[in-house]
Each structure stands twice: as C-alpha cells, then as structure tokens.
Amino acid sequence: FENAVEGIYQSTPQGRLLHVNRAMARICGYDSPDELCSSVRDLSRDLYVVSGHYTEFARVLDAQGEVRGYESQIKRKDGVIIWVSKNARAVRDPEGLRLYDECMVTEITARKEAETKLHEQLDELRRWHEAMLGREEHAQQLKCEVNELCRQIGQSVRYPSQGSGCRSVASDVTTGNSPPLMP
C-alpha cells in the first residue's frame, strides 16, 4: 500500500479520506499522506473539479459495488487541474452496508491532452475536407452552367478531365445533335 506506484486511498461513503498512500499524496501535490488527509475534508468539494462527478462516481459504486476506469478532473494542492482514472470497490459489512471504498488512482493528464489535440486535428481535417468538397460541388455547378451557356450560343467546351458530373449538352454540339438554339 505505502510503496505502490499507483495512488491508493480509502474513503468513507460520504467522501472523507481515511488512508492514502504516498503516491496518492504526490498525485494530488501534497508532501505527505497526512497532509492530504488533513487538508481534504470532502472529496466532492475539496478534490473534484465538478462535485457532481464525485456524486455520480459514489452512486455507481454504491449500486454496482465497483467502478473501473472512471475518469475525472481533480484539483491539486497548487490549484492545477489534472485528469485521473480510478478503479474502486465498495467494502461492505455482512449486512451489505457500505463501510468504506478502496480506490486506485492513475494520473492520465498527458493522455487526455493528447486525445484532445487529436480530436482538434480531426475536426480541422473534417472542416478542410468539407471545404474541399464544397469547392468541388461548386466547380461541378460551374461546369454545368458553362455547358448550358455554350449550348445556348452553339459553342463547345472541353474540360481537362472526363465526367463533368452533369449532362453536357455542349458535347451534343460537336456531334451535330444539339437542340435548337434559343433566339
């Protein structure tokens, strides 16, 4: 418990810390487990960035008896907000009453920041792709309009690539099958 690499703590169902290891104190920015326990009186209020996340975590833990991979933001002693992932289990008495919770905590801030950056890059690529598609659709529309104008004046137009995306009546002009010109 004391020498574990992961942060480990025990807390009451009401959110009061009972025991923490050195890794947990370090993750939270405290010098010792005692300092963390004496400073954090209520996990929901003193540690969680969004107190409702702790309430939801505790509700699921009470209902299911365990929680795996629960991700949330917490405030370190210095005010820096970090991301953590928690695995927890409820310890119950023989009648099923929840006595305390045992939690293992891993800091995942770097991973969450990388995920956020990847999502931002993906959104940027999607916007760029949509803009390019919009330009292609616009180009196809322009080709159709040029073809129609050429048909009306009896001229033919050739494009560098095949398949203009619309029925080209201008190509009918070159084969002699053009519809009558509008006066």
N, C-alpha and C. Protein backbone atom coordinates (compact mmCIF):
# COMPACT_ATOMS: atom_id res chain seq x y z
N PHE A 1 0.83 -1.19 0.00
CA PHE A 1 0.00 0.00 0.00
C PHE A 1 0.88 1.26 0.00
N GLU A 2 1.80 1.33 0.94
CA GLU A 2 2.63 2.52 1.07
C GLU A 2 3.58 2.73 -0.10
N ASN A 3 4.10 1.66 -0.66
CA ASN A 3 5.12 1.76 -1.71
C ASN A 3 4.56 1.53 -3.12
N ALA A 4 3.27 1.46 -3.26
CA ALA A 4 2.67 1.23 -4.57
C ALA A 4 2.94 2.42 -5.49
N VAL A 5 3.02 2.14 -6.78
CA VAL A 5 3.26 3.18 -7.78
C VAL A 5 1.98 3.98 -8.02
N GLU A 6 0.84 3.32 -7.97
CA GLU A 6 -0.44 3.99 -8.17
C GLU A 6 -0.89 4.65 -6.87
N GLY A 7 -1.69 5.70 -7.03
CA GLY A 7 -2.30 6.31 -5.86
C GLY A 7 -3.38 5.40 -5.32
N ILE A 8 -3.36 5.19 -4.03
CA ILE A 8 -4.36 4.33 -3.39
C ILE A 8 -4.91 5.09 -2.18
N TYR A 9 -6.25 5.01 -2.05
CA TYR A 9 -6.84 5.61 -0.85
C TYR A 9 -8.08 4.84 -0.43
N GLN A 10 -8.42 5.04 0.83
CA GLN A 10 -9.67 4.53 1.38
C GLN A 10 -10.45 5.75 1.85
N SER A 11 -11.75 5.71 1.59
CA SER A 11 -12.60 6.84 2.00
C SER A 11 -13.95 6.34 2.49
N THR A 12 -14.60 7.17 3.26
CA THR A 12 -15.96 6.84 3.72
C THR A 12 -16.92 7.02 2.55
N PRO A 13 -18.10 6.44 2.65
CA PRO A 13 -19.11 6.66 1.60
C PRO A 13 -19.51 8.14 1.46
N GLN A 14 -19.26 8.93 2.49
CA GLN A 14 -19.59 10.35 2.45
C GLN A 14 -18.47 11.19 1.84
N GLY A 15 -17.34 10.57 1.49
CA GLY A 15 -16.26 11.30 0.82
C GLY A 15 -15.16 11.81 1.72
N ARG A 16 -15.00 11.26 2.89
CA ARG A 16 -13.91 11.65 3.81
C ARG A 16 -12.78 10.64 3.67
N LEU A 17 -11.56 11.14 3.46
CA LEU A 17 -10.40 10.26 3.33
C LEU A 17 -10.07 9.59 4.66
N LEU A 18 -9.81 8.29 4.60
CA LEU A 18 -9.40 7.55 5.79
C LEU A 18 -7.89 7.29 5.75
N HIS A 19 -7.41 6.77 4.64
CA HIS A 19 -5.98 6.45 4.46
C HIS A 19 -5.61 6.76 3.02
N VAL A 20 -4.39 7.25 2.82
CA VAL A 20 -3.86 7.45 1.47
C VAL A 20 -2.39 7.02 1.47
N ASN A 21 -1.92 6.59 0.31
CA ASN A 21 -0.50 6.25 0.23
C ASN A 21 0.29 7.44 -0.31
N ARG A 22 1.61 7.31 -0.32
CA ARG A 22 2.48 8.40 -0.77
C ARG A 22 2.22 8.77 -2.23
N ALA A 23 1.96 7.78 -3.06
CA ALA A 23 1.72 8.05 -4.48
C ALA A 23 0.46 8.92 -4.65
N MET A 24 -0.55 8.66 -3.86
CA MET A 24 -1.78 9.48 -3.94
C MET A 24 -1.49 10.91 -3.50
N ALA A 25 -0.73 11.06 -2.42
CA ALA A 25 -0.37 12.40 -1.96
C ALA A 25 0.42 13.13 -3.06
N ARG A 26 1.35 12.42 -3.69
CA ARG A 26 2.16 13.02 -4.76
C ARG A 26 1.29 13.43 -5.95
N ILE A 27 0.38 12.57 -6.37
CA ILE A 27 -0.52 12.88 -7.49
C ILE A 27 -1.30 14.16 -7.20
N CYS A 28 -1.73 14.31 -5.95
CA CYS A 28 -2.53 15.47 -5.55
C CYS A 28 -1.69 16.69 -5.18
N GLY A 29 -0.35 16.54 -5.23
CA GLY A 29 0.53 17.68 -4.97
C GLY A 29 0.82 17.95 -3.50
N TYR A 30 0.58 16.99 -2.64
CA TYR A 30 0.84 17.17 -1.22
C TYR A 30 2.16 16.51 -0.84
N ASP A 31 2.77 17.01 0.22
CA ASP A 31 4.06 16.49 0.66
C ASP A 31 3.97 15.15 1.36
N SER A 32 2.82 14.86 1.96
CA SER A 32 2.69 13.60 2.70
C SER A 32 1.24 13.13 2.70
N PRO A 33 1.03 11.85 2.98
CA PRO A 33 -0.34 11.35 3.12
C PRO A 33 -1.11 12.06 4.24
N ASP A 34 -0.42 12.37 5.34
CA ASP A 34 -1.09 13.06 6.45
C ASP A 34 -1.59 14.44 6.03
N GLU A 35 -0.75 15.16 5.28
CA GLU A 35 -1.15 16.50 4.83
C GLU A 35 -2.38 16.41 3.93
N LEU A 36 -2.41 15.43 3.03
CA LEU A 36 -3.57 15.26 2.14
C LEU A 36 -4.82 14.95 2.96
N CYS A 37 -4.72 14.01 3.88
CA CYS A 37 -5.88 13.62 4.69
C CYS A 37 -6.41 14.77 5.54
N SER A 38 -5.50 15.58 6.08
CA SER A 38 -5.96 16.68 6.93
C SER A 38 -6.49 17.85 6.10
N SER A 39 -6.03 18.00 4.86
CA SER A 39 -6.46 19.13 4.01
C SER A 39 -7.76 18.85 3.28
N VAL A 40 -7.97 17.62 2.88
CA VAL A 40 -9.16 17.26 2.10
C VAL A 40 -10.20 16.67 3.04
N ARG A 41 -11.19 17.47 3.34
CA ARG A 41 -12.25 17.03 4.27
C ARG A 41 -13.43 16.38 3.53
N ASP A 42 -13.61 16.77 2.27
CA ASP A 42 -14.73 16.27 1.46
C ASP A 42 -14.23 16.12 0.02
N LEU A 43 -14.13 14.89 -0.46
CA LEU A 43 -13.62 14.65 -1.82
C LEU A 43 -14.40 15.44 -2.86
N SER A 44 -15.71 15.45 -2.72
CA SER A 44 -16.57 16.14 -3.69
C SER A 44 -16.24 17.62 -3.79
N ARG A 45 -16.05 18.26 -2.66
CA ARG A 45 -15.83 19.70 -2.61
C ARG A 45 -14.36 20.08 -2.74
N ASP A 46 -13.48 19.32 -2.10
CA ASP A 46 -12.07 19.72 -1.99
C ASP A 46 -11.16 19.16 -3.07
N LEU A 47 -11.56 18.11 -3.74
CA LEU A 47 -10.67 17.49 -4.72
C LEU A 47 -11.23 17.51 -6.14
N TYR A 48 -12.49 17.19 -6.29
CA TYR A 48 -13.09 17.12 -7.62
C TYR A 48 -13.33 18.51 -8.19
N VAL A 49 -13.06 18.67 -9.47
CA VAL A 49 -13.33 19.94 -10.15
C VAL A 49 -14.83 20.14 -10.26
N VAL A 50 -15.54 19.10 -10.65
CA VAL A 50 -17.00 19.14 -10.74
C VAL A 50 -17.54 18.20 -9.66
N SER A 51 -18.13 18.76 -8.63
CA SER A 51 -18.56 17.94 -7.49
C SER A 51 -19.58 16.88 -7.90
N GLY A 52 -20.35 17.16 -8.92
CA GLY A 52 -21.33 16.18 -9.41
C GLY A 52 -20.68 14.91 -9.92
N HIS A 53 -19.43 14.99 -10.36
CA HIS A 53 -18.72 13.79 -10.83
C HIS A 53 -18.48 12.83 -9.66
N TYR A 54 -18.14 13.38 -8.51
CA TYR A 54 -17.95 12.51 -7.35
C TYR A 54 -19.28 11.88 -6.94
N THR A 55 -20.34 12.66 -6.96
CA THR A 55 -21.66 12.15 -6.61
C THR A 55 -22.04 10.99 -7.53
N GLU A 56 -21.80 11.15 -8.83
CA GLU A 56 -22.10 10.09 -9.80
C GLU A 56 -21.23 8.87 -9.55
N PHE A 57 -19.93 9.10 -9.32
CA PHE A 57 -19.00 8.01 -9.02
C PHE A 57 -19.49 7.23 -7.80
N ALA A 58 -19.84 7.93 -6.73
CA ALA A 58 -20.30 7.28 -5.49
C ALA A 58 -21.61 6.53 -5.71
N ARG A 59 -22.50 7.08 -6.53
CA ARG A 59 -23.78 6.42 -6.82
C ARG A 59 -23.56 5.10 -7.54
N VAL A 60 -22.70 5.12 -8.56
CA VAL A 60 -22.41 3.90 -9.31
C VAL A 60 -21.70 2.88 -8.42
N LEU A 61 -20.76 3.35 -7.62
CA LEU A 61 -20.04 2.46 -6.71
C LEU A 61 -21.00 1.80 -5.72
N ASP A 62 -21.92 2.56 -5.19
CA ASP A 62 -22.89 2.00 -4.25
C ASP A 62 -23.80 0.98 -4.93
N ALA A 63 -24.24 1.29 -6.14
CA ALA A 63 -25.17 0.40 -6.86
C ALA A 63 -24.49 -0.86 -7.38
N GLN A 64 -23.27 -0.74 -7.90
CA GLN A 64 -22.62 -1.87 -8.57
C GLN A 64 -21.52 -2.53 -7.74
N GLY A 65 -21.07 -1.86 -6.72
CA GLY A 65 -20.04 -2.44 -5.88
C GLY A 65 -18.62 -2.19 -6.37
N GLU A 66 -18.50 -1.79 -7.62
CA GLU A 66 -17.17 -1.45 -8.16
C GLU A 66 -17.31 -0.53 -9.36
N VAL A 67 -16.23 0.18 -9.63
CA VAL A 67 -16.15 1.09 -10.77
C VAL A 67 -14.78 0.90 -11.38
N ARG A 68 -14.72 0.80 -12.71
CA ARG A 68 -13.43 0.64 -13.40
C ARG A 68 -13.27 1.74 -14.44
N GLY A 69 -12.08 2.33 -14.46
CA GLY A 69 -11.75 3.31 -15.48
C GLY A 69 -12.55 4.60 -15.42
N TYR A 70 -12.96 5.01 -14.24
CA TYR A 70 -13.73 6.25 -14.10
C TYR A 70 -12.77 7.43 -14.24
N GLU A 71 -13.01 8.28 -15.22
CA GLU A 71 -12.13 9.41 -15.50
C GLU A 71 -12.78 10.71 -15.04
N SER A 72 -11.98 11.52 -14.36
CA SER A 72 -12.47 12.81 -13.91
C SER A 72 -11.29 13.75 -13.68
N GLN A 73 -11.62 15.00 -13.49
CA GLN A 73 -10.61 16.01 -13.20
C GLN A 73 -10.60 16.28 -11.70
N ILE A 74 -9.38 16.45 -11.17
CA ILE A 74 -9.24 16.82 -9.77
C ILE A 74 -8.31 18.03 -9.67
N LYS A 75 -8.42 18.72 -8.53
CA LYS A 75 -7.57 19.89 -8.27
C LYS A 75 -6.42 19.47 -7.37
N ARG A 76 -5.22 19.76 -7.82
CA ARG A 76 -4.05 19.53 -6.97
C ARG A 76 -3.98 20.64 -5.90
N LYS A 77 -3.11 20.46 -4.95
CA LYS A 77 -2.92 21.45 -3.88
C LYS A 77 -2.58 22.82 -4.44
N ASP A 78 -1.78 22.86 -5.52
CA ASP A 78 -1.36 24.13 -6.13
C ASP A 78 -2.41 24.73 -7.06
N GLY A 79 -3.58 24.08 -7.16
CA GLY A 79 -4.66 24.59 -8.00
C GLY A 79 -4.65 24.07 -9.42
N VAL A 80 -3.59 23.38 -9.81
CA VAL A 80 -3.51 22.81 -11.16
C VAL A 80 -4.54 21.69 -11.28
N ILE A 81 -5.24 21.70 -12.39
CA ILE A 81 -6.26 20.68 -12.64
C ILE A 81 -5.62 19.56 -13.46
N ILE A 82 -5.80 18.33 -12.99
CA ILE A 82 -5.27 17.16 -13.69
C ILE A 82 -6.39 16.15 -13.92
N TRP A 83 -6.13 15.22 -14.83
CA TRP A 83 -7.06 14.13 -15.10
C TRP A 83 -6.57 12.87 -14.39
N VAL A 84 -7.51 12.11 -13.83
CA VAL A 84 -7.18 10.83 -13.21
C VAL A 84 -8.18 9.77 -13.68
N SER A 85 -7.71 8.53 -13.62
CA SER A 85 -8.57 7.38 -13.87
C SER A 85 -8.60 6.56 -12.59
N LYS A 86 -9.80 6.15 -12.19
CA LYS A 86 -9.96 5.45 -10.92
C LYS A 86 -10.61 4.09 -11.12
N ASN A 87 -10.10 3.13 -10.36
CA ASN A 87 -10.75 1.84 -10.19
C ASN A 87 -11.07 1.75 -8.70
N ALA A 88 -12.29 1.37 -8.37
CA ALA A 88 -12.68 1.36 -6.97
C ALA A 88 -13.62 0.19 -6.68
N ARG A 89 -13.64 -0.16 -5.41
CA ARG A 89 -14.60 -1.16 -4.95
C ARG A 89 -15.13 -0.75 -3.61
N ALA A 90 -16.38 -1.07 -3.37
CA ALA A 90 -17.02 -0.77 -2.09
C ALA A 90 -16.78 -1.95 -1.15
N VAL A 91 -16.36 -1.66 0.06
CA VAL A 91 -16.20 -2.68 1.09
C VAL A 91 -17.43 -2.62 1.98
N ARG A 92 -18.11 -3.76 2.11
CA ARG A 92 -19.40 -3.81 2.82
C ARG A 92 -19.32 -4.72 4.05
N ASP A 93 -20.20 -4.46 4.99
CA ASP A 93 -20.29 -5.35 6.15
C ASP A 93 -21.16 -6.55 5.77
N PRO A 94 -21.30 -7.55 6.64
CA PRO A 94 -22.09 -8.75 6.30
C PRO A 94 -23.54 -8.45 5.92
N GLU A 95 -24.08 -7.34 6.37
CA GLU A 95 -25.47 -6.98 6.02
C GLU A 95 -25.54 -6.19 4.72
N GLY A 96 -24.40 -5.89 4.11
CA GLY A 96 -24.39 -5.18 2.84
C GLY A 96 -24.23 -3.68 2.95
N LEU A 97 -24.07 -3.16 4.15
CA LEU A 97 -23.87 -1.72 4.35
C LEU A 97 -22.47 -1.34 3.88
N ARG A 98 -22.38 -0.28 3.11
CA ARG A 98 -21.09 0.18 2.59
C ARG A 98 -20.30 0.85 3.70
N LEU A 99 -19.17 0.23 4.08
CA LEU A 99 -18.34 0.74 5.17
C LEU A 99 -17.35 1.79 4.67
N TYR A 100 -16.64 1.46 3.61
CA TYR A 100 -15.65 2.37 3.02
C TYR A 100 -15.37 1.92 1.59
N ASP A 101 -14.66 2.78 0.89
CA ASP A 101 -14.30 2.50 -0.50
C ASP A 101 -12.79 2.40 -0.61
N GLU A 102 -12.34 1.50 -1.46
CA GLU A 102 -10.91 1.39 -1.77
C GLU A 102 -10.73 1.79 -3.23
N CYS A 103 -9.85 2.75 -3.45
CA CYS A 103 -9.66 3.29 -4.80
C CYS A 103 -8.19 3.28 -5.20
N MET A 104 -7.97 2.97 -6.46
CA MET A 104 -6.64 3.07 -7.06
C MET A 104 -6.72 4.14 -8.14
N VAL A 105 -5.76 5.07 -8.12
CA VAL A 105 -5.80 6.25 -8.97
C VAL A 105 -4.54 6.32 -9.82
N THR A 106 -4.73 6.62 -11.10
CA THR A 106 -3.61 6.84 -12.03
C THR A 106 -3.82 8.19 -12.69
N GLU A 107 -2.76 8.99 -12.74
CA GLU A 107 -2.86 10.27 -13.44
C GLU A 107 -2.80 10.02 -14.94
N ILE A 108 -3.73 10.64 -15.68
CA ILE A 108 -3.81 10.43 -17.14
C ILE A 108 -3.85 11.76 -17.89
N THR A 109 -3.33 12.81 -17.28
CA THR A 109 -3.39 14.14 -17.88
C THR A 109 -2.75 14.18 -19.26
N ALA A 110 -1.56 13.61 -19.41
CA ALA A 110 -0.86 13.64 -20.71
C ALA A 110 -1.69 12.93 -21.78
N ARG A 111 -2.28 11.80 -21.43
CA ARG A 111 -3.11 11.08 -22.40
C ARG A 111 -4.34 11.88 -22.80
N LYS A 112 -5.00 12.51 -21.83
CA LYS A 112 -6.20 13.30 -22.13
C LYS A 112 -5.85 14.51 -23.00
N GLU A 113 -4.71 15.14 -22.73
CA GLU A 113 -4.29 16.28 -23.56
C GLU A 113 -3.98 15.82 -24.98
N ALA A 114 -3.35 14.66 -25.13
CA ALA A 114 -3.07 14.12 -26.46
C ALA A 114 -4.37 13.78 -27.19
N GLU A 115 -5.34 13.21 -26.48
CA GLU A 115 -6.64 12.90 -27.08
C GLU A 115 -7.33 14.18 -27.55
N THR A 116 -7.29 15.20 -26.71
CA THR A 116 -7.92 16.48 -27.07
C THR A 116 -7.26 17.05 -28.32
N LYS A 117 -5.94 17.02 -28.37
CA LYS A 117 -5.23 17.54 -29.53
C LYS A 117 -5.58 16.74 -30.79
N LEU A 118 -5.66 15.42 -30.68
CA LEU A 118 -6.04 14.60 -31.83
C LEU A 118 -7.47 14.91 -32.29
N HIS A 119 -8.39 15.10 -31.35
CA HIS A 119 -9.76 15.45 -31.72
C HIS A 119 -9.81 16.80 -32.43
N GLU A 120 -9.03 17.76 -31.94
CA GLU A 120 -8.99 19.08 -32.58
C GLU A 120 -8.43 18.96 -34.00
N GLN A 121 -7.38 18.15 -34.18
CA GLN A 121 -6.81 17.97 -35.51
C GLN A 121 -7.80 17.26 -36.43
N LEU A 122 -8.51 16.28 -35.90
CA LEU A 122 -9.51 15.58 -36.69
C LEU A 122 -10.63 16.53 -37.11
N ASP A 123 -11.09 17.38 -36.20
CA ASP A 123 -12.12 18.37 -36.54
C ASP A 123 -11.62 19.32 -37.62
N GLU A 124 -10.37 19.74 -37.51
CA GLU A 124 -9.79 20.63 -38.52
C GLU A 124 -9.72 19.94 -39.87
N LEU A 125 -9.34 18.67 -39.90
CA LEU A 125 -9.30 17.92 -41.16
C LEU A 125 -10.70 17.76 -41.74
N ARG A 126 -11.68 17.52 -40.88
CA ARG A 126 -13.07 17.40 -41.37
C ARG A 126 -13.54 18.72 -41.99
N ARG A 127 -13.24 19.84 -41.32
CA ARG A 127 -13.63 21.14 -41.87
C ARG A 127 -12.93 21.38 -43.21
N TRP A 128 -11.65 21.06 -43.29
CA TRP A 128 -10.91 21.23 -44.53
C TRP A 128 -11.51 20.35 -45.63
N HIS A 129 -11.82 19.10 -45.29
CA HIS A 129 -12.40 18.18 -46.26
C HIS A 129 -13.76 18.68 -46.76
N GLU A 130 -14.59 19.16 -45.83
CA GLU A 130 -15.89 19.70 -46.22
C GLU A 130 -15.73 20.92 -47.12
N ALA A 131 -14.74 21.75 -46.83
CA ALA A 131 -14.48 22.93 -47.67
C ALA A 131 -14.07 22.49 -49.07
N MET A 132 -13.23 21.46 -49.14
CA MET A 132 -12.78 20.97 -50.45
C MET A 132 -13.96 20.36 -51.20
N LEU A 133 -14.80 19.62 -50.50
CA LEU A 133 -15.98 19.05 -51.15
C LEU A 133 -16.89 20.17 -51.65
N GLY A 134 -17.03 21.21 -50.83
CA GLY A 134 -17.84 22.35 -51.25
C GLY A 134 -17.28 22.99 -52.50
N ARG A 135 -15.97 23.09 -52.59
CA ARG A 135 -15.35 23.66 -53.79
C ARG A 135 -15.59 22.76 -54.99
N GLU A 136 -15.50 21.44 -54.79
CA GLU A 136 -15.72 20.51 -55.89
C GLU A 136 -17.17 20.60 -56.37
N GLU A 137 -18.11 20.66 -55.43
CA GLU A 137 -19.51 20.80 -55.81
C GLU A 137 -19.73 22.12 -56.56
N HIS A 138 -19.09 23.17 -56.09
CA HIS A 138 -19.19 24.47 -56.75
C HIS A 138 -18.60 24.39 -58.16
N ALA A 139 -17.46 23.72 -58.30
CA ALA A 139 -16.83 23.57 -59.62
C ALA A 139 -17.74 22.77 -60.55
N GLN A 140 -18.38 21.73 -60.06
CA GLN A 140 -19.30 20.94 -60.88
C GLN A 140 -20.48 21.79 -61.34
N GLN A 141 -21.00 22.63 -60.45
CA GLN A 141 -22.10 23.51 -60.81
C GLN A 141 -21.68 24.51 -61.88
N LEU A 142 -20.46 25.06 -61.71
CA LEU A 142 -19.96 26.00 -62.72
C LEU A 142 -19.82 25.31 -64.08
N LYS A 143 -19.33 24.08 -64.09
CA LYS A 143 -19.21 23.34 -65.35
C LYS A 143 -20.57 23.19 -66.02
N CYS A 144 -21.57 22.87 -65.23
CA CYS A 144 -22.92 22.72 -65.78
C CYS A 144 -23.42 24.04 -66.37
N GLU A 145 -23.17 25.14 -65.67
CA GLU A 145 -23.61 26.43 -66.16
C GLU A 145 -22.87 26.82 -67.45
N VAL A 146 -21.56 26.55 -67.51
CA VAL A 146 -20.78 26.83 -68.73
C VAL A 146 -21.30 25.99 -69.88
N ASN A 147 -21.57 24.72 -69.61
CA ASN A 147 -22.10 23.85 -70.66
C ASN A 147 -23.43 24.39 -71.20
N GLU A 148 -24.29 24.85 -70.29
CA GLU A 148 -25.59 25.37 -70.73
C GLU A 148 -25.41 26.63 -71.55
N LEU A 149 -24.53 27.53 -71.11
CA LEU A 149 -24.28 28.75 -71.88
C LEU A 149 -23.71 28.41 -73.25
N CYS A 150 -22.78 27.46 -73.30
CA CYS A 150 -22.20 27.06 -74.58
C CYS A 150 -23.27 26.46 -75.49
N ARG A 151 -24.15 25.69 -74.91
CA ARG A 151 -25.22 25.10 -75.70
C ARG A 151 -26.08 26.21 -76.31
N GLN A 152 -26.37 27.23 -75.48
CA GLN A 152 -27.22 28.30 -75.95
C GLN A 152 -26.57 29.11 -77.07
N ILE A 153 -25.26 29.23 -77.05
CA ILE A 153 -24.61 30.02 -78.12
C ILE A 153 -24.00 29.13 -79.20
N GLY A 154 -24.18 27.83 -79.07
CA GLY A 154 -23.72 26.92 -80.11
C GLY A 154 -22.23 26.64 -80.09
N GLN A 155 -21.58 26.80 -78.96
CA GLN A 155 -20.14 26.54 -78.82
C GLN A 155 -19.94 25.26 -78.01
N SER A 156 -18.76 24.68 -78.19
CA SER A 156 -18.40 23.50 -77.42
C SER A 156 -17.31 23.88 -76.42
N VAL A 157 -17.29 23.21 -75.31
CA VAL A 157 -16.26 23.43 -74.31
C VAL A 157 -15.67 22.08 -73.93
N ARG A 158 -14.37 22.04 -73.75
CA ARG A 158 -13.69 20.80 -73.36
C ARG A 158 -13.03 21.02 -72.00
N TYR A 159 -13.16 20.02 -71.16
CA TYR A 159 -12.57 20.06 -69.82
C TYR A 159 -11.39 19.11 -69.78
N PRO A 160 -10.40 19.41 -68.96
CA PRO A 160 -9.22 18.55 -68.86
C PRO A 160 -9.54 17.14 -68.39
N SER A 161 -10.55 16.97 -67.58
CA SER A 161 -10.88 15.64 -67.09
C SER A 161 -12.25 15.23 -67.59
N GLN A 162 -12.45 13.93 -67.67
CA GLN A 162 -13.73 13.40 -68.14
C GLN A 162 -14.74 13.46 -67.01
N GLY A 163 -15.99 13.46 -67.35
CA GLY A 163 -17.07 13.38 -66.37
C GLY A 163 -17.28 14.68 -65.64
N SER A 164 -18.09 15.53 -66.20
CA SER A 164 -18.33 16.83 -65.58
C SER A 164 -19.33 16.75 -64.44
N GLY A 165 -20.00 15.62 -64.30
CA GLY A 165 -20.96 15.49 -63.21
C GLY A 165 -22.34 15.98 -63.59
N CYS A 166 -22.53 16.49 -64.81
CA CYS A 166 -23.86 16.87 -65.26
C CYS A 166 -23.96 16.48 -66.74
N ARG A 167 -25.15 16.37 -67.24
CA ARG A 167 -25.33 16.03 -68.64
C ARG A 167 -24.86 17.21 -69.48
N SER A 168 -23.88 16.97 -70.30
CA SER A 168 -23.29 18.04 -71.08
C SER A 168 -23.98 18.12 -72.44
N VAL A 169 -24.82 19.15 -72.62
CA VAL A 169 -25.45 19.34 -73.92
C VAL A 169 -24.46 19.95 -74.89
N ALA A 170 -23.37 20.52 -74.37
CA ALA A 170 -22.36 21.09 -75.27
C ALA A 170 -21.69 20.00 -76.08
N SER A 171 -21.57 18.80 -75.53
CA SER A 171 -20.96 17.73 -76.30
C SER A 171 -21.85 17.33 -77.46
N ASP A 172 -23.16 17.57 -77.32
CA ASP A 172 -24.07 17.30 -78.42
C ASP A 172 -23.80 18.24 -79.60
N VAL A 173 -23.27 19.44 -79.29
CA VAL A 173 -22.99 20.41 -80.34
C VAL A 173 -21.91 19.86 -81.27
N THR A 174 -20.90 19.21 -80.70
CA THR A 174 -19.79 18.71 -81.53
C THR A 174 -20.21 17.53 -82.38
N THR A 175 -21.25 16.80 -82.02
CA THR A 175 -21.71 15.66 -82.81
C THR A 175 -22.83 16.02 -83.76
N GLY A 176 -23.26 17.27 -83.68
CA GLY A 176 -24.34 17.71 -84.57
C GLY A 176 -25.71 17.39 -84.04
N ASN A 177 -25.80 16.92 -82.81
CA ASN A 177 -27.09 16.58 -82.24
C ASN A 177 -27.58 17.63 -81.25
N SER A 178 -27.22 18.87 -81.46
CA SER A 178 -27.58 19.89 -80.49
C SER A 178 -29.05 20.24 -80.62
N PRO A 179 -29.67 20.57 -79.53
CA PRO A 179 -31.05 21.02 -79.57
C PRO A 179 -31.12 22.38 -80.24
N PRO A 180 -32.27 22.81 -80.67
CA PRO A 180 -32.36 24.12 -81.32
C PRO A 180 -31.88 25.21 -80.37
N LEU A 181 -31.17 26.18 -80.92
CA LEU A 181 -30.67 27.29 -80.13
C LEU A 181 -31.80 28.23 -79.79
N MET A 182 -31.69 28.81 -78.63
CA MET A 182 -32.68 29.77 -78.19
C MET A 182 -32.41 31.08 -78.92
N PRO A 183 -33.43 31.79 -79.40
CA PRO A 183 -33.20 33.06 -80.09
C PRO A 183 -32.71 34.13 -79.14
